[in-house]
Protein backbone atom coordinates (compact mmCIF):
# COMPACT_ATOMS: atom_id res chain seq x y z
CA UNK A 1 6.75 6.75 -18.79
CA UNK A 2 8.55 7.87 -22.17
CA UNK A 3 11.27 9.43 -20.49
CA UNK A 4 11.72 6.11 -17.78
CA UNK A 5 11.60 3.83 -20.67
CA UNK A 6 14.43 5.59 -22.50
CA UNK A 7 16.41 6.04 -19.21
CA UNK A 8 16.02 2.43 -18.61
CA UNK A 9 16.80 1.38 -22.13
CA UNK A 10 20.03 3.58 -22.41
CA UNK A 11 21.65 3.25 -18.89
CA UNK A 12 21.36 -0.50 -19.29
CA UNK A 13 24.18 -1.55 -21.19
CA UNK A 14 26.18 0.89 -19.04
CA UNK A 15 25.22 -1.02 -16.07
CA UNK A 16 26.32 -4.15 -17.96
CA UNK A 17 29.42 -2.70 -18.92
CA UNK A 18 30.16 -2.00 -14.96
CA UNK A 19 28.82 -5.40 -14.11
CA UNK A 20 31.32 -7.12 -16.03
CA UNK A 21 34.24 -4.51 -14.92
CA UNK A 22 33.72 -5.42 -11.16
CA UNK A 23 32.58 -9.38 -11.15
CA UNK A 24 29.51 -8.82 -11.07
CA UNK A 25 28.57 -11.70 -13.28
CA UNK A 26 26.74 -15.02 -12.61
CA UNK A 27 28.29 -17.90 -13.99
CA UNK A 28 26.39 -21.17 -14.25
CA UNK A 29 30.19 -22.80 -14.34
CA UNK A 30 31.22 -21.81 -10.92
CA UNK A 31 27.63 -20.83 -9.42
CA UNK A 32 26.54 -24.51 -9.09
CA UNK A 33 22.60 -24.20 -7.93
CA UNK A 34 19.42 -26.55 -8.78
CA UNK A 35 17.50 -23.07 -9.70
CA UNK A 36 19.57 -21.94 -12.18
CA UNK A 37 18.76 -22.77 -15.78
CA UNK A 38 20.95 -19.91 -17.66
CA UNK A 39 23.70 -21.57 -20.04
CA UNK A 40 26.12 -18.89 -20.09
CA UNK A 41 27.53 -16.17 -17.68
CA UNK A 42 25.27 -13.66 -17.35
CA UNK A 43 25.75 -9.79 -16.08
CA UNK A 44 23.64 -9.23 -12.57
CA UNK A 45 22.63 -5.89 -11.30
CA UNK A 46 19.54 -4.82 -13.53
CA UNK A 47 18.27 -3.12 -10.67
CA UNK A 48 20.64 -0.43 -10.79
CA UNK A 49 19.27 0.40 -14.78
CA UNK A 50 15.67 0.31 -13.22
CA UNK A 51 16.56 2.66 -9.77
CA UNK A 52 18.25 5.40 -12.11
CA UNK A 53 15.09 5.38 -14.37
CA UNK A 54 12.61 5.89 -11.37
CA UNK A 55 15.26 8.14 -9.45
CA UNK A 56 14.76 10.48 -12.87
CA UNK A 57 11.64 10.43 -13.70
CA UNK A 58 10.30 10.70 -9.92
CA UNK A 59 12.82 14.42 -9.82
CA UNK A 60 11.61 15.75 -13.32
CA UNK A 61 7.53 14.70 -12.59
CA UNK A 62 7.22 14.53 -9.21
CA UNK A 63 7.26 17.47 -6.42
CA UNK A 64 9.94 15.90 -3.73
CA UNK A 65 8.17 16.17 -0.62
CA UNK A 66 9.21 14.10 2.42
CA UNK A 67 6.91 11.25 1.34
CA UNK A 68 8.49 10.94 -2.13
CA UNK A 69 12.19 11.14 -0.40
CA UNK A 70 11.28 8.47 1.80
CA UNK A 71 10.32 6.34 -0.97
CA UNK A 72 13.26 7.08 -3.10
CA UNK A 73 15.49 6.46 -0.28
CA UNK A 74 13.89 3.15 0.17
CA UNK A 75 14.71 2.20 -3.14
CA UNK A 76 17.75 3.28 -2.99
CA UNK A 77 18.45 1.28 -0.38
CA UNK A 78 16.92 -1.72 -1.45
CA UNK A 79 18.45 -1.44 -4.65
CA UNK A 80 22.09 -1.10 -2.99
CA UNK A 81 20.89 -4.73 -0.54
CA UNK A 82 20.28 -6.01 -4.24
CA UNK A 83 23.30 -5.16 -5.54
CA UNK A 84 25.47 -6.46 -2.57
CA UNK A 85 23.57 -9.76 -3.13
CA UNK A 86 23.98 -10.02 -6.50
CA UNK A 87 27.83 -9.95 -5.68
CA UNK A 88 28.42 -11.65 -2.60
CA UNK A 89 25.38 -13.94 -2.26
CA UNK A 90 23.98 -12.45 1.28
CA UNK A 91 22.81 -14.84 3.81
CA UNK A 92 18.57 -15.07 3.31
CA UNK A 93 18.21 -14.02 6.45
CA UNK A 94 20.24 -11.41 6.78
CA UNK A 95 18.47 -9.84 4.14
CA UNK A 96 15.37 -10.26 5.56
CA UNK A 97 16.35 -8.20 8.55
CA UNK A 98 17.65 -5.57 6.43
CA UNK A 99 13.98 -5.43 4.46
CA UNK A 100 12.39 -5.04 7.56
CA UNK A 101 14.57 -2.32 8.22
CA UNK A 102 14.51 -0.54 5.10
CA UNK A 103 10.61 -0.97 4.70
CA UNK A 104 10.00 0.77 7.70
CA UNK A 105 11.29 4.06 6.10
CA UNK A 106 8.82 4.96 3.88
CA UNK A 107 6.21 3.75 6.56
CA UNK A 108 7.09 5.76 9.16
CA UNK A 109 7.07 8.66 7.01
CA UNK A 110 3.49 8.43 6.33
CA UNK A 111 3.09 5.83 3.52
CA UNK A 112 1.01 3.37 5.45
CA UNK A 113 -2.30 1.52 5.60
CA UNK A 114 -4.79 3.11 7.54
CA UNK A 115 -7.85 0.65 6.62
CA UNK A 116 -8.71 -2.27 5.08
CA UNK A 117 -12.13 -2.95 3.18
CA UNK A 118 -14.11 -6.30 4.13
CA UNK A 119 -14.75 -8.46 1.02
CA UNK A 120 -18.75 -8.47 1.68
CA UNK A 121 -18.70 -4.77 2.14
CA UNK A 122 -17.58 -2.03 5.27
CA UNK A 123 -14.30 -0.59 5.65
CA UNK A 124 -12.43 -1.22 8.77
CA UNK A 125 -9.74 1.17 10.29
CA UNK A 126 -6.82 -0.34 11.95
CA UNK A 127 -6.09 0.77 15.27
CA UNK A 128 -2.52 2.10 16.52
CA UNK A 129 0.01 0.57 15.91
CA UNK A 130 -1.25 -2.17 13.37
CA UNK A 131 -1.23 0.64 10.20
CA UNK A 132 2.80 0.84 10.70
CA UNK A 133 3.10 -2.90 11.29
CA UNK A 134 0.84 -3.96 8.49
CA UNK A 135 2.51 -1.67 6.16
CA UNK A 136 6.09 -2.76 7.00
CA UNK A 137 5.11 -6.48 6.60
CA UNK A 138 2.98 -5.87 3.25
CA UNK A 139 6.28 -4.43 1.81
CA UNK A 140 8.85 -7.10 3.06
CA UNK A 141 6.07 -9.69 1.77
CA UNK A 142 6.02 -8.26 -1.87
CA UNK A 143 9.52 -7.78 -1.79
CA UNK A 144 9.95 -11.66 -1.27
CA UNK A 145 7.10 -12.70 -3.78
CA UNK A 146 8.74 -10.83 -6.43
CA UNK A 147 12.05 -12.20 -6.20
CA UNK A 148 10.81 -16.06 -5.37
CA UNK A 149 7.69 -16.25 -8.04
CA UNK A 150 8.52 -13.67 -10.91
CA UNK A 151 12.16 -14.12 -11.56
CA UNK A 152 14.11 -16.90 -12.80
CA UNK A 153 13.21 -16.80 -16.87
CA UNK A 154 14.23 -14.43 -19.09
CA UNK A 155 11.94 -11.52 -18.93
CA UNK A 156 9.69 -12.75 -16.57
CA UNK A 157 10.21 -10.00 -14.28
CA UNK A 158 10.27 -6.79 -16.17
CA UNK A 159 6.71 -8.05 -18.17
CA UNK A 160 5.00 -8.66 -14.75
CA UNK A 161 6.23 -5.41 -13.03
CA UNK A 162 5.49 -3.34 -15.96
CA UNK A 163 2.08 -4.79 -16.14
CA UNK A 164 1.20 -4.68 -12.39
CA UNK A 165 2.27 -0.94 -12.25
CA UNK A 166 0.28 0.00 -14.95
CA UNK A 167 -2.80 -1.66 -13.59
CA UNK A 168 -2.30 0.18 -10.45
CA UNK A 169 -2.04 3.66 -12.54
CA UNK A 170 -5.23 2.76 -14.51
CA UNK A 171 -6.77 2.23 -10.65
CA UNK A 172 -5.79 5.28 -9.40
CA UNK A 173 -7.17 6.94 -12.76
CA UNK A 174 -10.73 5.79 -11.74
CA UNK A 175 -10.03 7.80 -8.50
CA UNK A 176 -8.69 10.99 -10.52
CA UNK A 177 -11.25 13.50 -9.52
CA UNK A 178 -9.38 13.46 -5.92
CA UNK A 179 -5.96 15.42 -6.72
CA UNK A 180 -4.14 13.35 -4.53
CA UNK A 181 -4.26 10.41 -6.65
CA UNK A 182 -2.31 12.09 -9.44
CA UNK A 183 1.29 11.86 -7.94
CA UNK A 184 0.45 7.97 -7.37
CA UNK A 185 -0.87 7.92 -11.32
CA UNK A 186 2.71 9.38 -12.33
CA UNK A 187 4.73 7.62 -9.89
CA UNK A 188 2.93 4.07 -11.01
CA UNK A 189 3.90 5.10 -14.90
CA UNK A 190 7.16 6.13 -13.78
CA UNK A 191 8.07 2.48 -12.55
CA UNK A 192 5.99 0.66 -15.36
CA UNK A 193 8.39 2.74 -18.29
CA UNK A 194 11.21 2.04 -16.19
CA UNK A 195 11.08 -1.81 -16.17
CA UNK A 196 9.52 -1.84 -20.08
CA UNK A 197 12.45 -0.08 -20.72
CA UNK A 198 15.09 -2.67 -19.10
CA UNK A 199 12.80 -5.27 -20.81
CA UNK A 200 14.64 -5.88 -24.39
CA UNK A 201 17.91 -6.35 -22.60
CA UNK A 202 16.44 -8.94 -20.44
CA UNK A 203 13.96 -10.91 -22.69
CA UNK A 204 15.28 -14.23 -24.19
CA UNK A 205 18.54 -14.46 -24.89
CA UNK A 206 18.58 -12.19 -21.73
CA UNK A 207 21.98 -9.90 -21.71
CA UNK A 208 21.19 -8.73 -18.00
CA UNK A 209 19.42 -10.43 -15.10
CA UNK A 210 17.46 -8.13 -12.81
CA UNK A 211 18.86 -10.36 -10.16
CA UNK A 212 17.94 -9.76 -6.16
CA UNK A 213 18.27 -6.11 -6.89
CA UNK A 214 15.54 -5.59 -9.42
CA UNK A 215 12.93 -8.10 -8.29
CA UNK A 216 12.86 -6.70 -4.86
CA UNK A 217 12.70 -3.03 -6.42
CA UNK A 218 9.77 -4.46 -7.85
CA UNK A 219 8.21 -5.88 -4.85
CA UNK A 220 9.05 -2.70 -3.06
CA UNK A 221 7.61 -0.25 -5.53
CA UNK A 222 4.73 -1.89 -6.37
CA UNK A 223 3.94 -2.30 -2.71
CA UNK A 224 4.31 1.41 -1.89
CA UNK A 225 1.76 2.19 -4.99
CA UNK A 226 -0.96 -0.33 -3.80
CA UNK A 227 -0.65 1.98 -0.68
CA UNK A 228 -0.46 5.19 -2.30
CA UNK A 229 -3.48 3.89 -4.55
CA UNK A 230 -6.25 3.95 -1.78
CA UNK A 231 -4.98 1.01 -0.26
CA UNK A 232 -5.83 -1.35 -2.92
CA UNK A 233 -3.90 -4.32 -1.56
CA UNK A 234 -6.51 -6.58 -2.71
CA UNK A 235 -6.07 -5.16 -6.12
CA UNK A 236 -2.38 -5.96 -6.39
CA UNK A 237 -2.85 -9.45 -4.74
CA UNK A 238 -5.11 -10.41 -7.54
CA UNK A 239 -2.62 -8.63 -10.28
CA UNK A 240 0.03 -10.97 -8.77
CA UNK A 241 -1.90 -13.69 -8.25
CA UNK A 242 0.20 -16.60 -10.35
CA UNK A 243 3.81 -15.74 -8.45
CA UNK A 244 2.30 -15.11 -5.23
CA UNK A 245 0.32 -18.40 -5.23
CA UNK A 246 3.58 -20.16 -6.60
CA UNK A 247 5.39 -18.56 -3.70
CA UNK A 248 3.02 -19.28 -1.10
CA UNK A 249 2.98 -23.02 -2.37
CA UNK A 250 6.87 -23.29 -2.75
CA UNK A 251 7.33 -22.40 1.12
CA UNK A 252 4.23 -24.73 2.36
CA UNK A 253 6.27 -27.48 0.13
CA UNK A 254 9.98 -26.39 1.44
CA UNK A 255 8.67 -26.55 5.13
CA UNK A 256 6.86 -29.77 4.69
CA UNK A 257 10.46 -31.40 3.52
CA UNK A 258 11.91 -30.04 6.78
CA UNK A 259 13.95 -27.55 4.25
CA UNK A 260 14.13 -23.76 5.19
CA UNK A 261 11.52 -21.42 3.16
CA UNK A 262 14.05 -19.20 2.17
CA UNK A 263 16.46 -21.20 0.50
CA UNK A 264 16.33 -21.08 -3.59
CA UNK A 265 15.38 -24.46 -4.68
CA UNK A 266 13.93 -25.65 -8.64
CA UNK A 267 10.53 -26.31 -7.53
CA UNK A 268 9.09 -22.97 -8.30
CA UNK A 269 6.28 -22.88 -11.50
CA UNK A 270 8.49 -21.35 -13.76
CA UNK A 271 11.27 -24.47 -12.97
CA UNK A 272 8.51 -26.94 -13.67
CA UNK A 273 6.97 -25.58 -16.59
CA UNK A 274 10.69 -25.25 -18.23
CA UNK A 275 11.26 -29.03 -16.87
CA UNK A 276 7.84 -30.28 -18.46
CA UNK A 277 9.61 -28.55 -22.28
CA UNK A 278 7.94 -25.05 -22.27
CA UNK A 279 10.61 -22.72 -23.90
CA UNK A 280 11.76 -19.81 -21.84
CA UNK A 281 10.05 -16.85 -24.45
CA UNK A 282 6.65 -19.11 -23.76
CA UNK A 283 6.88 -19.57 -20.21
CA UNK A 284 7.31 -15.39 -19.62
CA UNK A 285 4.47 -14.87 -22.27
CA UNK A 286 2.42 -17.31 -19.66
CA UNK A 287 3.09 -14.69 -17.07
CA UNK A 288 2.75 -11.63 -19.00
CA UNK A 289 -0.72 -12.62 -20.30
CA UNK A 290 -1.66 -14.02 -16.93
CA UNK A 291 -0.93 -10.82 -15.48
CA UNK A 292 -2.12 -9.03 -18.29
CA UNK A 293 -5.88 -10.59 -17.70
CA UNK A 294 -5.92 -10.55 -14.00
CA UNK A 295 -5.14 -6.51 -14.32
CA UNK A 296 -7.91 -6.25 -16.39
CA UNK A 297 -10.15 -8.06 -13.90
CA UNK A 298 -9.14 -6.72 -10.63
CA UNK A 299 -9.66 -3.25 -12.16
CA UNK A 300 -13.35 -4.52 -12.79
CA UNK A 301 -14.08 -6.62 -9.30
CA UNK A 302 -15.46 -5.31 -5.98
CA UNK A 303 -14.42 -6.45 -2.97
CA UNK A 304 -16.24 -9.69 -2.70
CA UNK A 305 -15.41 -11.04 -6.21
CA UNK A 306 -12.00 -10.01 -5.84
CA UNK A 307 -11.78 -12.55 -2.81
CA UNK A 308 -13.83 -15.19 -5.18
CA UNK A 309 -11.25 -14.40 -7.86
CA UNK A 310 -8.29 -15.03 -5.44
CA UNK A 311 -9.57 -18.42 -4.60
CA UNK A 312 -9.72 -19.40 -8.05
CA UNK A 313 -6.47 -18.19 -8.62
CA UNK A 314 -5.25 -20.61 -5.73
CA UNK A 315 -7.02 -23.51 -7.36
CA UNK A 316 -6.08 -23.26 -10.80
CA UNK A 317 -2.27 -22.27 -10.33
CA UNK A 318 -2.36 -24.86 -6.89
CA UNK A 319 -3.87 -27.47 -9.43
CA UNK A 320 -1.37 -26.93 -12.19
CA UNK A 321 1.33 -26.93 -9.77
CA UNK A 322 0.69 -30.34 -8.34
CA UNK A 323 0.26 -31.86 -11.86
CA UNK A 324 3.53 -30.60 -13.06
CA UNK A 325 4.74 -31.92 -9.87
CA UNK A 326 3.38 -35.35 -9.71
CA UNK A 327 2.55 -35.85 -13.64
CA UNK A 328 4.04 -39.19 -15.05
CA UNK A 329 7.42 -38.85 -16.66
CA UNK A 330 8.52 -40.45 -20.08
């Protein structure tokens, strides 16, 4: 973990310099969009530094078998897609199609969900080809959850991603008697360290954005890790409850207002908290503390209580969103 922290930390200034050289800059003066809340030109492409850290840690500390190779290939392609989007602002539907193609790479190499746990007990084995379909959709789903609901405020994404990855590492450690869980523990710590090393450059006032490359890489790696850690999808849903509910609310709101669910706007929870007067630092802290608390709960809950917790998160975050939307304005 220390190695990837250092690689991400020291490679980020190089990415910043390269981004400036090739014009990978988000300038709010020319990039007019309601969701934009930064006030000065900021380099994009932070996902490149994070990927370099994940790649370095994986090569150093993990055996390079077909599973790891497919995961790293998918991570590289997701990062490359993100860099292209950071530069050219690709059509969201084109990005979505590309995400499905990339997500299929690790899944068809064996990284898949073959069973699920019932909330009230028991295991359901998924018949073919459902494991492939479910796994691909899970990867794409989580990439978009992190991109839409956990990115936008300085420090928000790397803090949430590192905490979620560390939670998966702790979860896998509970099953460390199974030797197959050790690579998952190592990969989770590599991922946590990579985002943690990037965090100092992204905290307020940010020197670089994670952008689409960083957020989709976060979703991709966390989805893969949740599959590898004995298919603990429910645990990650709890840990990422805040951005997940926020994104769900946002998609429903856009559809009911006759808008495309994939085109960005200024209606996310972090936007509403900012418009309500909270500073960027306090909003990031809210996401960090919320993710950490949910991570602690997720480690202690069984499947039934995870379901109740998810319902509770939906009610609390949904209620907060509704209050921030319809509260009296001074």
